[in-house]
Amino acid sequence: VALAWTAPASTGGVSLTGYRLYMDDCTNTNSALGNLVYNGTMDPTTLQASVSGLKSTATCRFAVTAVNLAGYESAASTVESVVIGTVPSAVRNLAVDTSDSTAAASETTVALSWTAPASYGGLSSVTYTVMVDDGALGDFTAFSSGQTDTTVRVTGLTSSLTYRFQVHASNDMGDGDMSNIVYVQSNKQPNAPTGLTFSDFGSTTATLSWSAPVNPLAGGDGVTLTGFNIYF
């Protein structure tokens, strides 16, 4: 973890010789800051230090003191608590949520689902930000942020445009990498075919015919059907 501080307003009448950085034992028990992890008493111009080798998920507390040429050490600064971790890994398996019948019935709504990242960066939880473009390969903007569910309905889309979607996870350390991109044309499920008839019956065969639903009720103005499924 990297820490930085500001020089004190008063040096005690003599020049500063540097700073000392202390930390506790990272046990989340408000233990004493008895561990000297940076001793910069011969470098008064350095106002930052990095501490490595810390345990992920731990909460560590730090404070800094100033030392002047007379050998006096100041009182400790305000204690800074830091959660040790990294950003989460990328969200996985972003896809259209075909189980959402409400979104499927709308030509301006798309339902998405995804799998949580493999790593939360050592922290206990993450939140998600859902990104969408303008339907014309423009820049991505956030549709929603701060959610904990792994599903979302993206509303307010324009029928028949093809949108790109991505999701990323965030924790206290920052934002993880973006998920895969999903391309979705905003439209609704087609109405049912009509006029199903049977003809030319054989011992093991039959001929079926039907009428296709008519646009725009086939899934949005300008959206064409891609085919039919037969069930028996």
C-alpha atoms as a PDB file:
ATOM      1  CA  VAL A   1       0.000   0.000   0.000  1.00  0.00           C
ATOM      2  CA  ALA A   2       1.245   3.531  -0.795  1.00  0.00           C
ATOM      3  CA  LEU A   3       0.777   6.327   1.733  1.00  0.00           C
ATOM      4  CA  ALA A   4       1.464  10.059   1.526  1.00  0.00           C
ATOM      5  CA  TRP A   5       1.351  12.944   3.974  1.00  0.00           C
ATOM      6  CA  THR A   6       1.818  16.703   4.282  1.00  0.00           C
ATOM      7  CA  ALA A   7       4.639  18.419   6.164  1.00  0.00           C
ATOM      8  CA  PRO A   8       3.623  19.854   9.570  1.00  0.00           C
ATOM      9  CA  ALA A   9       2.747  23.542   9.902  1.00  0.00           C
ATOM     10  CA  SER A  10       5.414  23.969  12.642  1.00  0.00           C
ATOM     11  CA  THR A  11       8.847  22.359  12.801  1.00  0.00           C
ATOM     12  CA  GLY A  12       9.511  23.310  16.431  1.00  0.00           C
ATOM     13  CA  GLY A  13      11.846  26.156  15.507  1.00  0.00           C
ATOM     14  CA  VAL A  14      14.466  23.973  13.861  1.00  0.00           C
ATOM     15  CA  SER A  15      14.649  22.129  10.563  1.00  0.00           C
ATOM     16  CA  LEU A  16      12.959  18.787  10.043  1.00  0.00           C
ATOM     17  CA  THR A  17      15.189  15.822   9.389  1.00  0.00           C
ATOM     18  CA  GLY A  18      12.448  13.475   8.165  1.00  0.00           C
ATOM     19  CA  TYR A  19       9.527  11.238   9.027  1.00  0.00           C
ATOM     20  CA  ARG A  20       8.698   7.881  10.576  1.00  0.00           C
ATOM     21  CA  LEU A  21       5.763   5.731   9.529  1.00  0.00           C
ATOM     22  CA  TYR A  22       4.200   3.301  11.986  1.00  0.00           C
ATOM     23  CA  MET A  23       1.543   0.628  11.617  1.00  0.00           C
ATOM     24  CA  ASP A  24      -0.373  -1.799  13.806  1.00  0.00           C
ATOM     25  CA  ASP A  25      -0.476  -5.599  13.430  1.00  0.00           C
ATOM     26  CA  CYS A  26      -3.470  -5.574  11.024  1.00  0.00           C
ATOM     27  CA  THR A  27      -5.656  -7.714  13.302  1.00  0.00           C
ATOM     28  CA  ASN A  28      -8.658  -5.347  13.201  1.00  0.00           C
ATOM     29  CA  THR A  29      -8.454  -4.913  16.987  1.00  0.00           C
ATOM     30  CA  ASN A  30      -7.192  -1.304  17.156  1.00  0.00           C
ATOM     31  CA  SER A  31      -3.876  -2.569  18.444  1.00  0.00           C
ATOM     32  CA  ALA A  32      -1.006  -0.155  19.111  1.00  0.00           C
ATOM     33  CA  LEU A  33       0.864   1.303  16.164  1.00  0.00           C
ATOM     34  CA  GLY A  34       4.124  -0.167  17.375  1.00  0.00           C
ATOM     35  CA  ASN A  35       5.690  -1.299  14.099  1.00  0.00           C
ATOM     36  CA  LEU A  36       8.119   1.129  12.470  1.00  0.00           C
ATOM     37  CA  VAL A  37       7.804   0.431   8.728  1.00  0.00           C
ATOM     38  CA  TYR A  38       9.535   3.518   7.317  1.00  0.00           C
ATOM     39  CA  ASN A  39      12.331   5.498   8.930  1.00  0.00           C
ATOM     40  CA  GLY A  40      13.083   8.517   6.789  1.00  0.00           C
ATOM     41  CA  THR A  41      14.742  10.663   9.419  1.00  0.00           C
ATOM     42  CA  MET A  42      17.536  11.607   7.036  1.00  0.00           C
ATOM     43  CA  ASP A  43      15.240  12.540   4.150  1.00  0.00           C
ATOM     44  CA  PRO A  44      12.969  15.500   4.982  1.00  0.00           C
ATOM     45  CA  THR A  45      11.803  16.005   1.396  1.00  0.00           C
ATOM     46  CA  THR A  46      10.138  12.592   1.010  1.00  0.00           C
ATOM     47  CA  LEU A  47       6.452  12.755   1.903  1.00  0.00           C
ATOM     48  CA  GLN A  48       5.391   9.250   0.906  1.00  0.00           C
ATOM     49  CA  ALA A  49       6.241   5.606   1.502  1.00  0.00           C
ATOM     50  CA  SER A  50       5.125   2.181   0.306  1.00  0.00           C
ATOM     51  CA  VAL A  51       4.596  -0.827   2.558  1.00  0.00           C
ATOM     52  CA  SER A  52       4.612  -4.315   1.026  1.00  0.00           C
ATOM     53  CA  GLY A  53       4.115  -7.866   2.230  1.00  0.00           C
ATOM     54  CA  LEU A  54       0.731  -7.176   3.816  1.00  0.00           C
ATOM     55  CA  LYS A  55      -1.969  -9.827   4.071  1.00  0.00           C
ATOM     56  CA  SER A  56      -4.871  -9.487   1.672  1.00  0.00           C
ATOM     57  CA  THR A  57      -8.268  -8.636   3.229  1.00  0.00           C
ATOM     58  CA  ALA A  58      -6.608  -7.281   6.387  1.00  0.00           C
ATOM     59  CA  THR A  59      -7.396  -3.812   7.715  1.00  0.00           C
ATOM     60  CA  CYS A  60      -4.157  -2.055   8.657  1.00  0.00           C
ATOM     61  CA  ARG A  61      -3.757   1.234  10.522  1.00  0.00           C
ATOM     62  CA  PHE A  62      -0.986   3.726   9.850  1.00  0.00           C
ATOM     63  CA  ALA A  63       0.269   7.014  11.319  1.00  0.00           C
ATOM     64  CA  VAL A  64       3.266   9.204  10.600  1.00  0.00           C
ATOM     65  CA  THR A  65       5.451  11.375  12.844  1.00  0.00           C
ATOM     66  CA  ALA A  66       7.941  14.132  12.081  1.00  0.00           C
ATOM     67  CA  VAL A  67      11.461  14.375  13.538  1.00  0.00           C
ATOM     68  CA  ASN A  68      13.400  17.646  13.782  1.00  0.00           C
ATOM     69  CA  LEU A  69      17.082  18.492  14.002  1.00  0.00           C
ATOM     70  CA  ALA A  70      16.911  18.671  17.805  1.00  0.00           C
ATOM     71  CA  GLY A  71      15.936  14.993  17.838  1.00  0.00           C
ATOM     72  CA  TYR A  72      12.358  15.551  18.921  1.00  0.00           C
ATOM     73  CA  GLU A  73       9.633  13.362  17.432  1.00  0.00           C
ATOM     74  CA  SER A  74       6.174  14.839  16.988  1.00  0.00           C
ATOM     75  CA  ALA A  75       2.914  13.314  18.088  1.00  0.00           C
ATOM     76  CA  ALA A  76       1.439  10.881  15.594  1.00  0.00           C
ATOM     77  CA  SER A  77      -0.731  12.093  12.764  1.00  0.00           C
ATOM     78  CA  THR A  78      -4.353  11.111  12.344  1.00  0.00           C
ATOM     79  CA  VAL A  79      -4.571   7.333  12.040  1.00  0.00           C
ATOM     80  CA  GLU A  80      -5.389   6.102   8.555  1.00  0.00           C
ATOM     81  CA  SER A  81      -7.112   2.712   8.162  1.00  0.00           C
ATOM     82  CA  VAL A  82      -6.518   0.863   4.897  1.00  0.00           C
ATOM     83  CA  VAL A  83      -8.144  -2.333   3.645  1.00  0.00           C
ATOM     84  CA  ILE A  84      -5.515  -4.421   1.877  1.00  0.00           C
ATOM     85  CA  GLY A  85      -6.646  -5.867  -1.428  1.00  0.00           C
ATOM     86  CA  THR A  86      -6.750  -5.472  -5.201  1.00  0.00           C
ATOM     87  CA  VAL A  87      -9.470  -4.704  -7.711  1.00  0.00           C
ATOM     88  CA  PRO A  88     -11.727  -7.643  -8.642  1.00  0.00           C
ATOM     89  CA  SER A  89     -11.130  -9.722 -11.723  1.00  0.00           C
ATOM     90  CA  ALA A  90     -13.371  -9.411 -14.778  1.00  0.00           C
ATOM     91  CA  VAL A  91     -17.061 -10.286 -14.735  1.00  0.00           C
ATOM     92  CA  ARG A  92     -17.655 -13.559 -16.590  1.00  0.00           C
ATOM     93  CA  ASN A  93     -20.241 -14.933 -19.031  1.00  0.00           C
ATOM     94  CA  LEU A  94     -22.247 -11.790 -19.777  1.00  0.00           C
ATOM     95  CA  ALA A  95     -25.241 -12.826 -21.897  1.00  0.00           C
ATOM     96  CA  VAL A  96     -28.870 -12.062 -22.661  1.00  0.00           C
ATOM     97  CA  ASP A  97     -31.128 -13.425 -19.918  1.00  0.00           C
ATOM     98  CA  THR A  98     -33.623 -15.374 -22.006  1.00  0.00           C
ATOM     99  CA  SER A  99     -35.524 -16.454 -18.882  1.00  0.00           C
ATOM    100  CA  ASP A 100     -36.842 -12.912 -18.317  1.00  0.00           C
ATOM    101  CA  SER A 101     -40.259 -13.015 -19.996  1.00  0.00           C
ATOM    102  CA  THR A 102     -41.019  -9.387 -19.170  1.00  0.00           C
ATOM    103  CA  ALA A 103     -37.987  -8.129 -21.081  1.00  0.00           C
ATOM    104  CA  ALA A 104     -38.631 -10.588 -23.905  1.00  0.00           C
ATOM    105  CA  ALA A 105     -42.090  -9.055 -24.392  1.00  0.00           C
ATOM    106  CA  SER A 106     -40.690  -5.524 -24.752  1.00  0.00           C
ATOM    107  CA  GLU A 107     -38.950  -4.036 -27.781  1.00  0.00           C
ATOM    108  CA  THR A 108     -37.235  -1.336 -25.653  1.00  0.00           C
ATOM    109  CA  THR A 109     -35.883  -3.526 -22.824  1.00  0.00           C
ATOM    110  CA  VAL A 110     -33.037  -6.057 -22.732  1.00  0.00           C
ATOM    111  CA  ALA A 111     -32.384  -8.417 -19.808  1.00  0.00           C
ATOM    112  CA  LEU A 112     -28.782  -9.401 -19.062  1.00  0.00           C
ATOM    113  CA  SER A 113     -27.158 -11.821 -16.643  1.00  0.00           C
ATOM    114  CA  TRP A 114     -23.561 -12.658 -15.758  1.00  0.00           C
ATOM    115  CA  THR A 115     -21.333 -14.665 -13.455  1.00  0.00           C
ATOM    116  CA  ALA A 116     -19.486 -13.008 -10.572  1.00  0.00           C
ATOM    117  CA  PRO A 117     -15.727 -12.490 -11.016  1.00  0.00           C
ATOM    118  CA  ALA A 118     -13.456 -15.338 -10.033  1.00  0.00           C
ATOM    119  CA  SER A 119     -11.681 -13.034  -7.565  1.00  0.00           C
ATOM    120  CA  TYR A 120     -13.118 -10.240  -5.421  1.00  0.00           C
ATOM    121  CA  GLY A 121      -9.583  -8.904  -4.951  1.00  0.00           C
ATOM    122  CA  GLY A 122      -9.353 -10.267  -1.439  1.00  0.00           C
ATOM    123  CA  LEU A 123     -12.426  -8.349  -0.253  1.00  0.00           C
ATOM    124  CA  SER A 124     -15.767  -9.804   0.780  1.00  0.00           C
ATOM    125  CA  SER A 125     -18.063  -8.195  -1.785  1.00  0.00           C
ATOM    126  CA  VAL A 126     -18.300  -6.341  -5.076  1.00  0.00           C
ATOM    127  CA  THR A 127     -20.809  -4.141  -6.863  1.00  0.00           C
ATOM    128  CA  TYR A 128     -21.524  -3.999 -10.588  1.00  0.00           C
ATOM    129  CA  THR A 129     -21.745  -1.273 -13.218  1.00  0.00           C
ATOM    130  CA  VAL A 130     -23.693  -1.980 -16.411  1.00  0.00           C
ATOM    131  CA  MET A 131     -22.458  -0.128 -19.504  1.00  0.00           C
ATOM    132  CA  VAL A 132     -24.354   0.396 -22.773  1.00  0.00           C
ATOM    133  CA  ASP A 133     -23.589   2.324 -25.960  1.00  0.00           C
ATOM    134  CA  ASP A 134     -25.987   4.520 -27.955  1.00  0.00           C
ATOM    135  CA  GLY A 135     -27.049   1.832 -30.420  1.00  0.00           C
ATOM    136  CA  ALA A 136     -24.794   3.313 -33.114  1.00  0.00           C
ATOM    137  CA  LEU A 137     -21.357   2.082 -31.972  1.00  0.00           C
ATOM    138  CA  GLY A 138     -20.843   5.236 -29.901  1.00  0.00           C
ATOM    139  CA  ASP A 139     -19.238   5.593 -26.495  1.00  0.00           C
ATOM    140  CA  PHE A 140     -20.329   3.433 -23.568  1.00  0.00           C
ATOM    141  CA  THR A 141     -22.132   5.105 -20.666  1.00  0.00           C
ATOM    142  CA  ALA A 142     -23.273   3.673 -17.342  1.00  0.00           C
ATOM    143  CA  PHE A 143     -26.870   2.472 -17.258  1.00  0.00           C
ATOM    144  CA  SER A 144     -26.630   1.430 -13.615  1.00  0.00           C
ATOM    145  CA  SER A 145     -23.953   1.228 -10.927  1.00  0.00           C
ATOM    146  CA  GLY A 146     -23.602   0.011  -7.377  1.00  0.00           C
ATOM    147  CA  GLN A 147     -25.889  -2.983  -7.788  1.00  0.00           C
ATOM    148  CA  THR A 148     -25.147  -6.343  -6.186  1.00  0.00           C
ATOM    149  CA  ASP A 149     -27.437  -8.566  -8.296  1.00  0.00           C
ATOM    150  CA  THR A 150     -26.005 -10.389 -11.299  1.00  0.00           C
ATOM    151  CA  THR A 151     -29.019  -9.613 -13.500  1.00  0.00           C
ATOM    152  CA  VAL A 152     -30.380  -6.356 -14.868  1.00  0.00           C
ATOM    153  CA  ARG A 153     -33.096  -5.038 -17.171  1.00  0.00           C
ATOM    154  CA  VAL A 154     -31.789  -2.267 -19.404  1.00  0.00           C
ATOM    155  CA  THR A 155     -34.759  -0.067 -20.291  1.00  0.00           C
ATOM    156  CA  GLY A 156     -35.375   2.950 -22.496  1.00  0.00           C
ATOM    157  CA  LEU A 157     -33.787   1.491 -25.638  1.00  0.00           C
ATOM    158  CA  THR A 158     -34.876   2.337 -29.182  1.00  0.00           C
ATOM    159  CA  SER A 159     -36.551  -0.482 -31.053  1.00  0.00           C
ATOM    160  CA  SER A 160     -34.549  -2.248 -33.760  1.00  0.00           C
ATOM    161  CA  LEU A 161     -31.164  -0.700 -32.895  1.00  0.00           C
ATOM    162  CA  THR A 162     -28.235  -2.982 -32.068  1.00  0.00           C
ATOM    163  CA  TYR A 163     -26.689  -2.126 -28.699  1.00  0.00           C
ATOM    164  CA  ARG A 164     -23.426  -3.200 -27.091  1.00  0.00           C
ATOM    165  CA  PHE A 165     -23.299  -4.066 -23.395  1.00  0.00           C
ATOM    166  CA  GLN A 166     -20.490  -4.634 -20.883  1.00  0.00           C
ATOM    167  CA  VAL A 167     -20.324  -5.032 -17.096  1.00  0.00           C
ATOM    168  CA  HIS A 168     -17.512  -4.510 -14.621  1.00  0.00           C
ATOM    169  CA  ALA A 169     -17.190  -5.251 -10.916  1.00  0.00           C
ATOM    170  CA  SER A 170     -15.871  -2.808  -8.310  1.00  0.00           C
ATOM    171  CA  ASN A 171     -14.667  -3.015  -4.720  1.00  0.00           C
ATOM    172  CA  ASP A 172     -13.039  -0.572  -2.306  1.00  0.00           C
ATOM    173  CA  MET A 173      -9.812  -0.823  -4.320  1.00  0.00           C
ATOM    174  CA  GLY A 174     -11.374   0.292  -7.607  1.00  0.00           C
ATOM    175  CA  ASP A 175     -12.862  -1.074 -10.820  1.00  0.00           C
ATOM    176  CA  GLY A 176     -12.066  -4.448 -12.340  1.00  0.00           C
ATOM    177  CA  ASP A 177     -11.655  -5.172 -16.046  1.00  0.00           C
ATOM    178  CA  MET A 178     -14.664  -5.099 -18.341  1.00  0.00           C
ATOM    179  CA  SER A 179     -16.551  -8.258 -19.231  1.00  0.00           C
ATOM    180  CA  ASN A 180     -17.007  -9.574 -22.736  1.00  0.00           C
ATOM    181  CA  ILE A 181     -19.117  -7.402 -25.054  1.00  0.00           C
ATOM    182  CA  VAL A 182     -22.649  -8.565 -25.867  1.00  0.00           C
ATOM    183  CA  TYR A 183     -24.437  -7.285 -28.986  1.00  0.00           C
ATOM    184  CA  VAL A 184     -28.232  -7.231 -28.761  1.00  0.00           C
ATOM    185  CA  GLN A 185     -30.853  -5.925 -31.183  1.00  0.00           C
ATOM    186  CA  SER A 186     -33.651  -4.373 -29.140  1.00  0.00           C
ATOM    187  CA  ASN A 187     -36.897  -6.036 -30.092  1.00  0.00           C
ATOM    188  CA  LYS A 188     -39.521  -8.215 -28.506  1.00  0.00           C
ATOM    189  CA  GLN A 189     -40.452 -11.831 -28.955  1.00  0.00           C
ATOM    190  CA  PRO A 190     -42.671 -12.419 -32.002  1.00  0.00           C
ATOM    191  CA  ASN A 191     -46.347 -13.159 -31.773  1.00  0.00           C
ATOM    192  CA  ALA A 192     -47.366 -16.745 -32.354  1.00  0.00           C
ATOM    193  CA  PRO A 193     -47.793 -18.013 -35.919  1.00  0.00           C
ATOM    194  CA  THR A 194     -51.418 -18.501 -36.968  1.00  0.00           C
ATOM    195  CA  GLY A 195     -53.424 -20.906 -39.094  1.00  0.00           C
ATOM    196  CA  LEU A 196     -51.534 -24.118 -38.308  1.00  0.00           C
ATOM    197  CA  THR A 197     -52.895 -26.928 -40.528  1.00  0.00           C
ATOM    198  CA  PHE A 198     -51.995 -30.554 -41.247  1.00  0.00           C
ATOM    199  CA  SER A 199     -52.150 -32.293 -44.640  1.00  0.00           C
ATOM    200  CA  ASP A 200     -50.741 -35.214 -46.609  1.00  0.00           C
ATOM    201  CA  PHE A 201     -50.863 -37.654 -43.737  1.00  0.00           C
ATOM    202  CA  GLY A 202     -48.748 -40.761 -44.178  1.00  0.00           C
ATOM    203  CA  SER A 203     -48.004 -43.677 -41.891  1.00  0.00           C
ATOM    204  CA  THR A 204     -45.022 -41.821 -40.421  1.00  0.00           C
ATOM    205  CA  THR A 205     -45.203 -38.309 -41.915  1.00  0.00           C
ATOM    206  CA  ALA A 206     -47.433 -35.255 -42.133  1.00  0.00           C
ATOM    207  CA  THR A 207     -47.145 -31.864 -43.801  1.00  0.00           C
ATOM    208  CA  LEU A 208     -47.686 -28.767 -41.650  1.00  0.00           C
ATOM    209  CA  SER A 209     -48.272 -25.190 -42.779  1.00  0.00           C
ATOM    210  CA  TRP A 210     -48.896 -21.889 -41.000  1.00  0.00           C
ATOM    211  CA  SER A 211     -48.903 -18.125 -41.436  1.00  0.00           C
ATOM    212  CA  ALA A 212     -46.091 -15.989 -40.075  1.00  0.00           C
ATOM    213  CA  PRO A 213     -46.790 -13.073 -37.749  1.00  0.00           C
ATOM    214  CA  VAL A 214     -46.659  -9.691 -39.476  1.00  0.00           C
ATOM    215  CA  ASN A 215     -44.242  -6.877 -38.616  1.00  0.00           C
ATOM    216  CA  PRO A 216     -44.128  -4.757 -36.522  1.00  0.00           C
ATOM    217  CA  LEU A 217     -45.786  -7.293 -34.221  1.00  0.00           C
ATOM    218  CA  ALA A 218     -43.097  -9.783 -35.165  1.00  0.00           C
ATOM    219  CA  GLY A 219     -40.665  -8.187 -32.778  1.00  0.00           C
ATOM    220  CA  GLY A 220     -40.415  -4.480 -33.432  1.00  0.00           C
ATOM    221  CA  ASP A 221     -40.620  -2.199 -36.425  1.00  0.00           C
ATOM    222  CA  GLY A 222     -38.086  -3.277 -39.024  1.00  0.00           C
ATOM    223  CA  VAL A 223     -37.190  -6.548 -37.294  1.00  0.00           C
ATOM    224  CA  THR A 224     -37.394  -9.685 -39.396  1.00  0.00           C
ATOM    225  CA  LEU A 225     -38.020 -13.232 -38.296  1.00  0.00           C
ATOM    226  CA  THR A 226     -35.132 -15.681 -38.470  1.00  0.00           C
ATOM    227  CA  GLY A 227     -37.163 -18.900 -38.485  1.00  0.00           C
ATOM    228  CA  PHE A 228     -39.609 -21.185 -36.742  1.00  0.00           C
ATOM    229  CA  ASN A 229     -39.445 -24.066 -34.269  1.00  0.00           C
ATOM    230  CA  ILE A 230     -41.819 -27.017 -34.438  1.00  0.00           C
ATOM    231  CA  TYR A 231     -42.790 -28.847 -31.241  1.00  0.00           C
ATOM    232  CA  PHE A 232     -44.765 -32.056 -30.796  1.00  0.00           C
END
